[in-house]
PDB file of N, CA and C in Angstrom:
ATOM      1  N   MET A   1       0.848  -1.170   0.000  1.00  0.00           N
ATOM      2  CA  MET A   1       0.000   0.000   0.000  1.00  0.00           C
ATOM      3  C   MET A   1       0.892   1.232   0.000  1.00  0.00           C
ATOM      4  N   SER A   2       0.595   2.158  -0.849  1.00  0.00           N
ATOM      5  CA  SER A   2       1.367   3.396  -0.947  1.00  0.00           C
ATOM      6  C   SER A   2       0.865   4.424   0.054  1.00  0.00           C
ATOM      7  N   LEU A   3       1.772   5.169   0.602  1.00  0.00           N
ATOM      8  CA  LEU A   3       1.425   6.241   1.529  1.00  0.00           C
ATOM      9  C   LEU A   3       1.297   7.548   0.760  1.00  0.00           C
ATOM     10  N   LYS A   4       0.593   8.510   1.320  1.00  0.00           N
ATOM     11  CA  LYS A   4       0.323   9.778   0.656  1.00  0.00           C
ATOM     12  C   LYS A   4       1.122  10.909   1.279  1.00  0.00           C
ATOM     13  N   SER A   5       1.434  11.918   0.481  1.00  0.00           N
ATOM     14  CA  SER A   5       2.069  13.170   0.919  1.00  0.00           C
ATOM     15  C   SER A   5       3.436  12.991   1.566  1.00  0.00           C
ATOM     16  N   LEU A   6       4.169  11.961   1.197  1.00  0.00           N
ATOM     17  CA  LEU A   6       5.519  11.779   1.741  1.00  0.00           C
ATOM     18  C   LEU A   6       6.500  12.783   1.163  1.00  0.00           C
ATOM     19  N   ARG A   7       6.221  13.286  -0.033  1.00  0.00           N
ATOM     20  CA  ARG A   7       7.128  14.226  -0.689  1.00  0.00           C
ATOM     21  C   ARG A   7       7.374  15.466   0.173  1.00  0.00           C
ATOM     22  N   SER A   8       6.383  15.852   0.980  1.00  0.00           N
ATOM     23  CA  SER A   8       6.563  17.027   1.829  1.00  0.00           C
ATOM     24  C   SER A   8       7.552  16.758   2.966  1.00  0.00           C
ATOM     25  N   PHE A   9       8.026  15.532   3.078  1.00  0.00           N
ATOM     26  CA  PHE A   9       8.985  15.157   4.118  1.00  0.00           C
ATOM     27  C   PHE A   9      10.307  14.710   3.487  1.00  0.00           C
ATOM     28  N   VAL A  10      10.740  15.361   2.396  1.00  0.00           N
ATOM     29  CA  VAL A  10      11.912  14.903   1.642  1.00  0.00           C
ATOM     30  C   VAL A  10      13.124  14.710   2.546  1.00  0.00           C
ATOM     31  N   LYS A  11      13.478  15.717   3.338  1.00  0.00           N
ATOM     32  CA  LYS A  11      14.469  15.484   4.391  1.00  0.00           C
ATOM     33  C   LYS A  11      13.635  14.915   5.519  1.00  0.00           C
ATOM     34  N   PHE A  12      13.529  13.616   5.532  1.00  0.00           N
ATOM     35  CA  PHE A  12      12.476  12.983   6.318  1.00  0.00           C
ATOM     36  C   PHE A  12      12.714  13.099   7.809  1.00  0.00           C
ATOM     37  N   ASP A  13      11.756  13.676   8.487  1.00  0.00           N
ATOM     38  CA  ASP A  13      11.756  13.821   9.937  1.00  0.00           C
ATOM     39  C   ASP A  13      10.735  12.831  10.485  1.00  0.00           C
ATOM     40  N   ALA A  14      11.211  11.640  10.855  1.00  0.00           N
ATOM     41  CA  ALA A  14      10.317  10.575  11.297  1.00  0.00           C
ATOM     42  C   ALA A  14       9.509  10.991  12.523  1.00  0.00           C
ATOM     43  N   ARG A  15      10.135  11.684  13.456  1.00  0.00           N
ATOM     44  CA  ARG A  15       9.402  12.122  14.657  1.00  0.00           C
ATOM     45  C   ARG A  15       8.250  13.045  14.291  1.00  0.00           C
ATOM     46  N   GLU A  16       8.504  13.977  13.382  1.00  0.00           N
ATOM     47  CA  GLU A  16       7.457  14.918  12.968  1.00  0.00           C
ATOM     48  C   GLU A  16       6.350  14.182  12.208  1.00  0.00           C
ATOM     49  N   PHE A  17       6.727  13.238  11.352  1.00  0.00           N
ATOM     50  CA  PHE A  17       5.737  12.467  10.605  1.00  0.00           C
ATOM     51  C   PHE A  17       4.851  11.653  11.542  1.00  0.00           C
ATOM     52  N   LEU A  18       5.433  11.072  12.588  1.00  0.00           N
ATOM     53  CA  LEU A  18       4.677  10.225  13.504  1.00  0.00           C
ATOM     54  C   LEU A  18       3.854  11.019  14.520  1.00  0.00           C
ATOM     55  N   LYS A  19       4.182  12.307  14.684  1.00  0.00           N
ATOM     56  CA  LYS A  19       3.443  13.133  15.624  1.00  0.00           C
ATOM     57  C   LYS A  19       1.985  13.229  15.170  1.00  0.00           C
ATOM     58  N   GLY A  20       1.053  13.048  16.082  1.00  0.00           N
ATOM     59  CA  GLY A  20      -0.365  13.117  15.737  1.00  0.00           C
ATOM     60  C   GLY A  20      -0.920  11.815  15.194  1.00  0.00           C
ATOM     61  N   LYS A  21      -0.120  10.749  15.241  1.00  0.00           N
ATOM     62  CA  LYS A  21      -0.578   9.451  14.752  1.00  0.00           C
ATOM     63  C   LYS A  21      -0.588   8.447  15.894  1.00  0.00           C
ATOM     64  N   GLN A  22      -1.526   7.531  15.826  1.00  0.00           N
ATOM     65  CA  GLN A  22      -1.541   6.387  16.723  1.00  0.00           C
ATOM     66  C   GLN A  22      -1.150   5.172  15.896  1.00  0.00           C
ATOM     67  N   LEU A  23      -0.117   4.463  16.339  1.00  0.00           N
ATOM     68  CA  LEU A  23       0.324   3.243  15.656  1.00  0.00           C
ATOM     69  C   LEU A  23      -0.154   2.036  16.449  1.00  0.00           C
ATOM     70  N   LEU A  24      -0.946   1.203  15.802  1.00  0.00           N
ATOM     71  CA  LEU A  24      -1.446  -0.016  16.424  1.00  0.00           C
ATOM     72  C   LEU A  24      -0.548  -1.171  15.987  1.00  0.00           C
ATOM     73  N   LEU A  25       0.070  -1.848  16.948  1.00  0.00           N
ATOM     74  CA  LEU A  25       0.944  -2.985  16.655  1.00  0.00           C
ATOM     75  C   LEU A  25       0.087  -4.181  16.278  1.00  0.00           C
ATOM     76  N   MET A  26       0.295  -4.695  15.070  1.00  0.00           N
ATOM     77  CA  MET A  26      -0.503  -5.808  14.567  1.00  0.00           C
ATOM     78  C   MET A  26       0.259  -7.137  14.614  1.00  0.00           C
ATOM     79  N   GLN A  27       1.574  -7.083  14.322  1.00  0.00           N
ATOM     80  CA  GLN A  27       2.325  -8.326  14.199  1.00  0.00           C
ATOM     81  C   GLN A  27       3.816  -8.057  14.334  1.00  0.00           C
ATOM     82  N   GLU A  28       4.539  -9.043  14.852  1.00  0.00           N
ATOM     83  CA  GLU A  28       5.996  -9.022  14.874  1.00  0.00           C
ATOM     84  C   GLU A  28       6.485 -10.272  14.149  1.00  0.00           C
ATOM     85  N   THR A  29       7.461 -10.075  13.264  1.00  0.00           N
ATOM     86  CA  THR A  29       8.070 -11.210  12.572  1.00  0.00           C
ATOM     87  C   THR A  29       9.588 -11.046  12.618  1.00  0.00           C
ATOM     88  N   PRO A  30      10.323 -12.129  12.494  1.00  0.00           N
ATOM     89  CA  PRO A  30      11.788 -12.007  12.486  1.00  0.00           C
ATOM     90  C   PRO A  30      12.256 -11.201  11.271  1.00  0.00           C
ATOM     91  N   TRP A  31      13.262 -10.381  11.480  1.00  0.00           N
ATOM     92  CA  TRP A  31      13.913  -9.629  10.402  1.00  0.00           C
ATOM     93  C   TRP A  31      15.166 -10.418  10.044  1.00  0.00           C
ATOM     94  N   ILE A  32      15.188 -10.984   8.854  1.00  0.00           N
ATOM     95  CA  ILE A  32      16.271 -11.854   8.406  1.00  0.00           C
ATOM     96  C   ILE A  32      17.165 -11.094   7.422  1.00  0.00           C
ATOM     97  N   ASP A  33      18.458 -11.117   7.671  1.00  0.00           N
ATOM     98  CA  ASP A  33      19.422 -10.497   6.764  1.00  0.00           C
ATOM     99  C   ASP A  33      19.434 -11.283   5.456  1.00  0.00           C
ATOM    100  N   TYR A  34      19.278 -10.560   4.356  1.00  0.00           N
ATOM    101  CA  TYR A  34      19.174 -11.189   3.036  1.00  0.00           C
ATOM    102  C   TYR A  34      20.434 -11.994   2.682  1.00  0.00           C
ATOM    103  N   GLU A  35      21.598 -11.438   2.955  1.00  0.00           N
ATOM    104  CA  GLU A  35      22.854 -12.086   2.548  1.00  0.00           C
ATOM    105  C   GLU A  35      23.253 -13.248   3.452  1.00  0.00           C
ATOM    106  N   SER A  36      23.179 -13.049   4.775  1.00  0.00           N
ATOM    107  CA  SER A  36      23.647 -14.089   5.699  1.00  0.00           C
ATOM    108  C   SER A  36      22.560 -15.089   6.076  1.00  0.00           C
ATOM    109  N   GLY A  37      21.305 -14.711   5.923  1.00  0.00           N
ATOM    110  CA  GLY A  37      20.204 -15.574   6.337  1.00  0.00           C
ATOM    111  C   GLY A  37      19.997 -15.607   7.837  1.00  0.00           C
ATOM    112  N   LYS A  38      20.728 -14.752   8.574  1.00  0.00           N
ATOM    113  CA  LYS A  38      20.625 -14.730  10.030  1.00  0.00           C
ATOM    114  C   LYS A  38      19.572 -13.717  10.485  1.00  0.00           C
ATOM    115  N   GLU A  39      18.952 -14.040  11.608  1.00  0.00           N
ATOM    116  CA  GLU A  39      17.978 -13.125  12.207  1.00  0.00           C
ATOM    117  C   GLU A  39      18.735 -11.960  12.838  1.00  0.00           C
ATOM    118  N   ILE A  40      18.395 -10.741  12.436  1.00  0.00           N
ATOM    119  CA  ILE A  40      19.102  -9.563  12.961  1.00  0.00           C
ATOM    120  C   ILE A  40      18.192  -8.633  13.761  1.00  0.00           C
ATOM    121  N   GLY A  41      16.926  -8.996  13.881  1.00  0.00           N
ATOM    122  CA  GLY A  41      15.997  -8.159  14.628  1.00  0.00           C
ATOM    123  C   GLY A  41      14.571  -8.576  14.338  1.00  0.00           C
ATOM    124  N   ALA A  42      13.672  -7.618  14.513  1.00  0.00           N
ATOM    125  CA  ALA A  42      12.251  -7.882  14.288  1.00  0.00           C
ATOM    126  C   ALA A  42      11.664  -6.833  13.361  1.00  0.00           C
ATOM    127  N   LYS A  43      10.665  -7.261  12.593  1.00  0.00           N
ATOM    128  CA  LYS A  43       9.880  -6.338  11.779  1.00  0.00           C
ATOM    129  C   LYS A  43       8.502  -6.237  12.421  1.00  0.00           C
ATOM    130  N   LEU A  44       8.093  -5.007  12.698  1.00  0.00           N
ATOM    131  CA  LEU A  44       6.773  -4.768  13.260  1.00  0.00           C
ATOM    132  C   LEU A  44       5.841  -4.348  12.146  1.00  0.00           C
ATOM    133  N   LYS A  45       4.680  -4.948  12.076  1.00  0.00           N
ATOM    134  CA  LYS A  45       3.635  -4.494  11.161  1.00  0.00           C
ATOM    135  C   LYS A  45       2.677  -3.674  12.003  1.00  0.00           C
ATOM    136  N   THR A  46       2.538  -2.421  11.642  1.00  0.00           N
ATOM    137  CA  THR A  46       1.654  -1.525  12.378  1.00  0.00           C
ATOM    138  C   THR A  46       0.615  -0.936  11.428  1.00  0.00           C
ATOM    139  N   THR A  47      -0.467  -0.470  12.000  1.00  0.00           N
ATOM    140  CA  THR A  47      -1.490   0.253  11.259  1.00  0.00           C
ATOM    141  C   THR A  47      -1.594   1.647  11.842  1.00  0.00           C
ATOM    142  N   ILE A  48      -1.635   2.644  10.972  1.00  0.00           N
ATOM    143  CA  ILE A  48      -1.866   4.014  11.444  1.00  0.00           C
ATOM    144  C   ILE A  48      -3.347   4.094  11.800  1.00  0.00           C
ATOM    145  N   TRP A  49      -3.639   4.049  13.089  1.00  0.00           N
ATOM    146  CA  TRP A  49      -5.012   3.987  13.573  1.00  0.00           C
ATOM    147  C   TRP A  49      -5.705   5.335  13.414  1.00  0.00           C
ATOM    148  N   THR A  50      -5.020   6.394  13.827  1.00  0.00           N
ATOM    149  CA  THR A  50      -5.533   7.754  13.618  1.00  0.00           C
ATOM    150  C   THR A  50      -4.398   8.616  13.088  1.00  0.00           C
ATOM    151  N   ASP A  51      -4.754   9.612  12.301  1.00  0.00           N
ATOM    152  CA  ASP A  51      -3.765  10.511  11.704  1.00  0.00           C
ATOM    153  C   ASP A  51      -4.303  11.934  11.769  1.00  0.00           C
ATOM    154  N   ASP A  52      -3.779  12.708  12.712  1.00  0.00           N
ATOM    155  CA  ASP A  52      -4.180  14.109  12.875  1.00  0.00           C
ATOM    156  C   ASP A  52      -3.136  15.065  12.309  1.00  0.00           C
ATOM    157  N   THR A  53      -2.257  14.561  11.452  1.00  0.00           N
ATOM    158  CA  THR A  53      -1.210  15.387  10.855  1.00  0.00           C
ATOM    159  C   THR A  53      -1.818  16.341   9.835  1.00  0.00           C
ATOM    160  N   ASN A  54      -1.364  17.600   9.855  1.00  0.00           N
ATOM    161  CA  ASN A  54      -1.780  18.582   8.854  1.00  0.00           C
ATOM    162  C   ASN A  54      -0.795  18.504   7.688  1.00  0.00           C
ATOM    163  N   TYR A  55      -1.254  17.970   6.564  1.00  0.00           N
ATOM    164  CA  TYR A  55      -0.416  17.818   5.381  1.00  0.00           C
ATOM    165  C   TYR A  55      -0.500  19.029   4.460  1.00  0.00           C
ATOM    166  N   GLY A  56      -1.326  20.013   4.814  1.00  0.00           N
ATOM    167  CA  GLY A  56      -1.472  21.203   3.984  1.00  0.00           C
ATOM    168  C   GLY A  56      -2.457  21.016   2.843  1.00  0.00           C
ATOM    169  N   THR A  57      -3.080  19.865   2.758  1.00  0.00           N
ATOM    170  CA  THR A  57      -4.069  19.580   1.726  1.00  0.00           C
ATOM    171  C   THR A  57      -5.296  18.974   2.398  1.00  0.00           C
ATOM    172  N   ASP A  58      -6.442  19.560   2.166  1.00  0.00           N
ATOM    173  CA  ASP A  58      -7.672  19.034   2.761  1.00  0.00           C
ATOM    174  C   ASP A  58      -7.918  17.600   2.330  1.00  0.00           C
ATOM    175  N   GLY A  59      -8.329  16.789   3.279  1.00  0.00           N
ATOM    176  CA  GLY A  59      -8.692  15.416   2.981  1.00  0.00           C
ATOM    177  C   GLY A  59      -7.535  14.444   2.881  1.00  0.00           C
ATOM    178  N   THR A  60      -6.298  14.904   3.060  1.00  0.00           N
ATOM    179  CA  THR A  60      -5.151  13.995   2.992  1.00  0.00           C
ATOM    180  C   THR A  60      -4.942  13.348   4.350  1.00  0.00           C
ATOM    181  N   SER A  61      -4.854  12.032   4.351  1.00  0.00           N
ATOM    182  CA  SER A  61      -4.645  11.288   5.584  1.00  0.00           C
ATOM    183  C   SER A  61      -4.013   9.948   5.244  1.00  0.00           C
ATOM    184  N   ASN A  62      -3.212   9.443   6.158  1.00  0.00           N
ATOM    185  CA  ASN A  62      -2.653   8.105   6.025  1.00  0.00           C
ATOM    186  C   ASN A  62      -3.330   7.132   6.986  1.00  0.00           C
ATOM    187  N   GLU A  63      -4.447   7.550   7.568  1.00  0.00           N
ATOM    188  CA  GLU A  63      -5.189   6.705   8.488  1.00  0.00           C
ATOM    189  C   GLU A  63      -5.558   5.385   7.806  1.00  0.00           C
ATOM    190  N   GLY A  64      -5.303   4.294   8.488  1.00  0.00           N
ATOM    191  CA  GLY A  64      -5.596   2.973   7.955  1.00  0.00           C
ATOM    192  C   GLY A  64      -4.449   2.365   7.160  1.00  0.00           C
ATOM    193  N   SER A  65      -3.420   3.152   6.866  1.00  0.00           N
ATOM    194  CA  SER A  65      -2.267   2.636   6.119  1.00  0.00           C
ATOM    195  C   SER A  65      -1.397   1.774   7.023  1.00  0.00           C
ATOM    196  N   GLU A  66      -0.703   0.845   6.410  1.00  0.00           N
ATOM    197  CA  GLU A  66       0.214  -0.006   7.164  1.00  0.00           C
ATOM    198  C   GLU A  66       1.622   0.545   7.087  1.00  0.00           C
ATOM    199  N   LEU A  67       2.341   0.421   8.188  1.00  0.00           N
ATOM    200  CA  LEU A  67       3.754   0.801   8.257  1.00  0.00           C
ATOM    201  C   LEU A  67       4.526  -0.376   8.815  1.00  0.00           C
ATOM    202  N   ASP A  68       5.609  -0.747   8.144  1.00  0.00           N
ATOM    203  CA  ASP A  68       6.520  -1.751   8.673  1.00  0.00           C
ATOM    204  C   ASP A  68       7.699  -1.027   9.304  1.00  0.00           C
ATOM    205  N   VAL A  69       8.092  -1.478  10.480  1.00  0.00           N
ATOM    206  CA  VAL A  69       9.195  -0.862  11.215  1.00  0.00           C
ATOM    207  C   VAL A  69      10.201  -1.957  11.553  1.00  0.00           C
ATOM    208  N   LYS A  70      11.466  -1.716  11.221  1.00  0.00           N
ATOM    209  CA  LYS A  70      12.525  -2.672  11.534  1.00  0.00           C
ATOM    210  C   LYS A  70      13.246  -2.225  12.801  1.00  0.00           C
ATOM    211  N   ILE A  71      13.446  -3.194  13.704  1.00  0.00           N
ATOM    212  CA  ILE A  71      14.127  -2.908  14.961  1.00  0.00           C
ATOM    213  C   ILE A  71      15.270  -3.901  15.136  1.00  0.00           C
ATOM    214  N   PRO A  72      16.522  -3.417  14.970  1.00  0.00           N
ATOM    215  CA  PRO A  72      17.676  -4.304  15.120  1.00  0.00           C
ATOM    216  C   PRO A  72      17.774  -4.860  16.541  1.00  0.00           C
ATOM    217  N   GLY A  73      18.119  -6.145  16.641  1.00  0.00           N
ATOM    218  CA  GLY A  73      18.367  -6.758  17.937  1.00  0.00           C
ATOM    219  C   GLY A  73      17.138  -7.184  18.708  1.00  0.00           C
ATOM    220  N   LEU A  74      15.947  -6.869  18.248  1.00  0.00           N
ATOM    221  CA  LEU A  74      14.717  -7.244  18.952  1.00  0.00           C
ATOM    222  C   LEU A  74      14.313  -8.652  18.539  1.00  0.00           C
ATOM    223  N   LYS A  75      13.942  -9.479  19.505  1.00  0.00           N
ATOM    224  CA  LYS A  75      13.440 -10.820  19.225  1.00  0.00           C
ATOM    225  C   LYS A  75      11.939 -10.724  19.000  1.00  0.00           C
ATOM    226  N   ALA A  76      11.475 -11.177  17.836  1.00  0.00           N
ATOM    227  CA  ALA A  76      10.052 -11.112  17.503  1.00  0.00           C
ATOM    228  C   ALA A  76       9.241 -11.993  18.439  1.00  0.00           C
ATOM    229  N   GLU A  77       8.085 -11.474  18.858  1.00  0.00           N
ATOM    230  CA  GLU A  77       7.172 -12.212  19.720  1.00  0.00           C
ATOM    231  C   GLU A  77       5.810 -12.280  19.054  1.00  0.00           C
ATOM    232  N   ALA A  78       5.066 -13.326  19.367  1.00  0.00           N
ATOM    233  CA  ALA A  78       3.707 -13.454  18.836  1.00  0.00           C
ATOM    234  C   ALA A  78       2.812 -12.402  19.490  1.00  0.00           C
ATOM    235  N   ILE A  79       1.935 -11.806  18.696  1.00  0.00           N
ATOM    236  CA  ILE A  79       0.997 -10.808  19.192  1.00  0.00           C
ATOM    237  C   ILE A  79      -0.393 -11.435  19.209  1.00  0.00           C
ATOM    238  N   ASP A  80      -1.003 -11.478  20.379  1.00  0.00           N
ATOM    239  CA  ASP A  80      -2.357 -11.997  20.526  1.00  0.00           C
ATOM    240  C   ASP A  80      -3.325 -10.984  19.930  1.00  0.00           C
ATOM    241  N   ARG A  81      -4.115 -11.391  18.958  1.00  0.00           N
ATOM    242  CA  ARG A  81      -5.011 -10.445  18.278  1.00  0.00           C
ATOM    243  C   ARG A  81      -6.018  -9.796  19.217  1.00  0.00           C
ATOM    244  N   ASN A  82      -6.293 -10.389  20.361  1.00  0.00           N
ATOM    245  CA  ASN A  82      -7.213  -9.799  21.329  1.00  0.00           C
ATOM    246  C   ASN A  82      -6.506  -8.877  22.307  1.00  0.00           C
ATOM    247  N   ASN A  83      -5.194  -8.758  22.186  1.00  0.00           N
ATOM    248  CA  ASN A  83      -4.436  -7.949  23.131  1.00  0.00           C
ATOM    249  C   ASN A  83      -3.471  -7.013  22.402  1.00  0.00           C
ATOM    250  N   ARG A  84      -3.882  -6.520  21.240  1.00  0.00           N
ATOM    251  CA  ARG A  84      -3.049  -5.577  20.499  1.00  0.00           C
ATOM    252  C   ARG A  84      -3.064  -4.245  21.220  1.00  0.00           C
ATOM    253  N   GLY A  85      -2.005  -3.477  21.026  1.00  0.00           N
ATOM    254  CA  GLY A  85      -1.937  -2.188  21.685  1.00  0.00           C
ATOM    255  C   GLY A  85      -1.229  -1.158  20.830  1.00  0.00           C
ATOM    256  N   PHE A  86      -1.307   0.085  21.271  1.00  0.00           N
ATOM    257  CA  PHE A  86      -0.633   1.176  20.589  1.00  0.00           C
ATOM    258  C   PHE A  86       0.813   1.236  21.056  1.00  0.00           C
ATOM    259  N   ILE A  87       1.687   1.676  20.153  1.00  0.00           N
ATOM    260  CA  ILE A  87       3.105   1.753  20.478  1.00  0.00           C
ATOM    261  C   ILE A  87       3.651   3.139  20.161  1.00  0.00           C
ATOM    262  N   ARG A  88       4.758   3.463  20.810  1.00  0.00           N
ATOM    263  CA  ARG A  88       5.543   4.668  20.514  1.00  0.00           C
ATOM    264  C   ARG A  88       6.942   4.182  20.173  1.00  0.00           C
ATOM    265  N   LEU A  89       7.450   4.613  19.015  1.00  0.00           N
ATOM    266  CA  LEU A  89       8.774   4.193  18.564  1.00  0.00           C
ATOM    267  C   LEU A  89       9.863   5.006  19.253  1.00  0.00           C
ATOM    268  N   ASN A  90      10.949   4.345  19.604  1.00  0.00           N
ATOM    269  CA  ASN A  90      12.107   5.004  20.209  1.00  0.00           C
ATOM    270  C   ASN A  90      13.114   5.350  19.116  1.00  0.00           C
ATOM    271  N   ASN A  91      13.454   6.622  19.012  1.00  0.00           N
ATOM    272  CA  ASN A  91      14.444   7.114  18.044  1.00  0.00           C
ATOM    273  C   ASN A  91      14.172   6.637  16.613  1.00  0.00           C
ATOM    274  N   PRO A  92      12.972   6.912  16.090  1.00  0.00           N
ATOM    275  CA  PRO A  92      12.676   6.476  14.731  1.00  0.00           C
ATOM    276  C   PRO A  92      13.450   7.277  13.686  1.00  0.00           C
ATOM    277  N   VAL A  93      13.860   6.594  12.624  1.00  0.00           N
ATOM    278  CA  VAL A  93      14.472   7.234  11.465  1.00  0.00           C
ATOM    279  C   VAL A  93      13.801   6.644  10.230  1.00  0.00           C
ATOM    280  N   GLY A  94      13.649   7.482   9.225  1.00  0.00           N
ATOM    281  CA  GLY A  94      12.962   7.013   8.035  1.00  0.00           C
ATOM    282  C   GLY A  94      13.624   7.483   6.765  1.00  0.00           C
ATOM    283  N   THR A  95      13.375   6.729   5.709  1.00  0.00           N
ATOM    284  CA  THR A  95      13.852   7.071   4.383  1.00  0.00           C
ATOM    285  C   THR A  95      12.682   6.948   3.414  1.00  0.00           C
ATOM    286  N   VAL A  96      12.455   8.006   2.642  1.00  0.00           N
ATOM    287  CA  VAL A  96      11.423   7.993   1.611  1.00  0.00           C
ATOM    288  C   VAL A  96      12.060   7.476   0.326  1.00  0.00           C
ATOM    289  N   TYR A  97      11.380   6.573  -0.358  1.00  0.00           N
ATOM    290  CA  TYR A  97      11.921   6.009  -1.593  1.00  0.00           C
ATOM    291  C   TYR A  97      10.785   5.700  -2.555  1.00  0.00           C
ATOM    292  N   GLY A  98      11.121   5.143  -3.669  1.00  0.00           N
ATOM    293  CA  GLY A  98      10.138   4.725  -4.657  1.00  0.00           C
ATOM    294  C   GLY A  98      10.051   5.697  -5.814  1.00  0.00           C
ATOM    295  N   GLU A  99       9.521   5.218  -6.920  1.00  0.00           N
ATOM    296  CA  GLU A  99       9.408   6.016  -8.140  1.00  0.00           C
ATOM    297  C   GLU A  99       8.654   7.318  -7.909  1.00  0.00           C
ATOM    298  N   PHE A 100       7.628   7.269  -7.078  1.00  0.00           N
ATOM    299  CA  PHE A 100       6.826   8.457  -6.814  1.00  0.00           C
ATOM    300  C   PHE A 100       7.098   9.036  -5.429  1.00  0.00           C
ATOM    301  N   GLN A 101       8.195   8.582  -4.798  1.00  0.00           N
ATOM    302  CA  GLN A 101       8.557   9.053  -3.454  1.00  0.00           C
ATOM    303  C   GLN A 101       7.378   8.893  -2.491  1.00  0.00           C
ATOM    304  N   ASN A 102       6.703   7.750  -2.566  1.00  0.00           N
ATOM    305  CA  ASN A 102       5.551   7.501  -1.704  1.00  0.00           C
ATOM    306  C   ASN A 102       5.703   6.220  -0.887  1.00  0.00           C
ATOM    307  N   GLU A 103       6.919   5.728  -0.775  1.00  0.00           N
ATOM    308  CA  GLU A 103       7.213   4.564   0.048  1.00  0.00           C
ATOM    309  C   GLU A 103       8.098   5.011   1.210  1.00  0.00           C
ATOM    310  N   LEU A 104       7.960   4.342   2.355  1.00  0.00           N
ATOM    311  CA  LEU A 104       8.683   4.739   3.555  1.00  0.00           C
ATOM    312  C   LEU A 104       9.322   3.530   4.203  1.00  0.00           C
ATOM    313  N   SER A 105      10.613   3.634   4.485  1.00  0.00           N
ATOM    314  CA  SER A 105      11.335   2.626   5.249  1.00  0.00           C
ATOM    315  C   SER A 105      11.617   3.224   6.622  1.00  0.00           C
ATOM    316  N   LEU A 106      11.121   2.576   7.668  1.00  0.00           N
ATOM    317  CA  LEU A 106      11.308   3.060   9.040  1.00  0.00           C
ATOM    318  C   LEU A 106      12.114   2.067   9.848  1.00  0.00           C
ATOM    319  N   LYS A 107      13.036   2.599  10.650  1.00  0.00           N
ATOM    320  CA  LYS A 107      13.773   1.811  11.635  1.00  0.00           C
ATOM    321  C   LYS A 107      13.668   2.538  12.965  1.00  0.00           C
ATOM    322  N   ALA A 108      13.799   1.798  14.051  1.00  0.00           N
ATOM    323  CA  ALA A 108      13.763   2.392  15.385  1.00  0.00           C
ATOM    324  C   ALA A 108      14.661   1.575  16.306  1.00  0.00           C
ATOM    325  N   ASP A 109      15.037   2.193  17.430  1.00  0.00           N
ATOM    326  CA  ASP A 109      15.852   1.493  18.424  1.00  0.00           C
ATOM    327  C   ASP A 109      15.014   0.525  19.259  1.00  0.00           C
ATOM    328  N   GLY A 110      13.719   0.738  19.288  1.00  0.00           N
ATOM    329  CA  GLY A 110      12.808  -0.079  20.082  1.00  0.00           C
ATOM    330  C   GLY A 110      11.451   0.589  20.089  1.00  0.00           C
ATOM    331  N   PHE A 111      10.579   0.099  20.972  1.00  0.00           N
ATOM    332  CA  PHE A 111       9.256   0.705  21.095  1.00  0.00           C
ATOM    333  C   PHE A 111       8.741   0.509  22.501  1.00  0.00           C
ATOM    334  N   ASP A 112       7.786   1.343  22.872  1.00  0.00           N
ATOM    335  CA  ASP A 112       7.101   1.231  24.153  1.00  0.00           C
ATOM    336  C   ASP A 112       5.632   0.993  23.891  1.00  0.00           C
ATOM    337  N   LEU A 113       5.049   0.049  24.621  1.00  0.00           N
ATOM    338  CA  LEU A 113       3.594  -0.108  24.596  1.00  0.00           C
ATOM    339  C   LEU A 113       2.998   1.023  25.409  1.00  0.00           C
ATOM    340  N   ILE A 114       1.946   1.604  24.906  1.00  0.00           N
ATOM    341  CA  ILE A 114       1.313   2.701  25.634  1.00  0.00           C
ATOM    342  C   ILE A 114      -0.168   2.391  25.827  1.00  0.00           C
ATOM    343  N   LYS A 115      -0.800   3.162  26.666  1.00  0.00           N
ATOM    344  CA  LYS A 115      -2.192   2.895  27.023  1.00  0.00           C
ATOM    345  C   LYS A 115      -3.086   2.844  25.799  1.00  0.00           C
ATOM    346  N   GLN A 116      -4.215   2.172  25.936  1.00  0.00           N
ATOM    347  CA  GLN A 116      -5.156   1.971  24.838  1.00  0.00           C
ATOM    348  C   GLN A 116      -5.539   3.272  24.144  1.00  0.00           C
ATOM    349  N   ASP A 117      -5.652   4.372  24.876  1.00  0.00           N
ATOM    350  CA  ASP A 117      -6.065   5.638  24.270  1.00  0.00           C
ATOM    351  C   ASP A 117      -4.854   6.494  23.911  1.00  0.00           C
ATOM    352  N   GLY A 118      -3.679   5.890  23.881  1.00  0.00           N
ATOM    353  CA  GLY A 118      -2.440   6.633  23.684  1.00  0.00           C
ATOM    354  C   GLY A 118      -2.096   6.890  22.246  1.00  0.00           C
ATOM    355  N   GLY A 119      -0.873   6.616  21.879  1.00  0.00           N
ATOM    356  CA  GLY A 119      -0.357   6.901  20.556  1.00  0.00           C
ATOM    357  C   GLY A 119       0.606   8.057  20.629  1.00  0.00           C
ATOM    358  N   GLU A 120       1.016   8.563  19.522  1.00  0.00           N
ATOM    359  CA  GLU A 120       1.964   9.677  19.486  1.00  0.00           C
ATOM    360  C   GLU A 120       1.294  10.994  19.789  1.00  0.00           C
ATOM    361  N   LYS A 121      -0.026  11.018  19.817  1.00  0.00           N
ATOM    362  CA  LYS A 121      -0.772  12.272  20.003  1.00  0.00           C
ATOM    363  C   LYS A 121      -0.326  13.036  21.212  1.00  0.00           C
TER     364      LYS A 121
END
C-alpha cells in the first residue's frame, strides 16, 4: 500500500511524521538479513489507527495505512489479536523512496507499549 504526501517530508523527519498518529501494533516477525540468512531483529507491522497530521491539503490522511518498522536486535514475539496495543517508537528514522517518493522505510531502536487511548498524540 502506498502512503500519501511523503514528498513534503523529503528530508524525512520521522518524529514529525509520527506526531499526531496512533500506531497499532498488529504483528511481529523475524527480520532476516538477506545475505547471511541470520535473524538480525524484528519487523513490526503496524497500522496508522488515527492521523491528525496537517499535510497542507484538505482530505489527505494516512489513516488505515500499514507501516513496517525494523528494529535491530529485537526478538520477535507473537501478538495476541485480542491484546493488540498502541506503540511509541524510540528514536525512529525514516527514508522515503520509490518512483513516486511515496514509500517509507522506518527503523527504530525499540518501542514502548502505551495505554489503549495513547499513541503519538
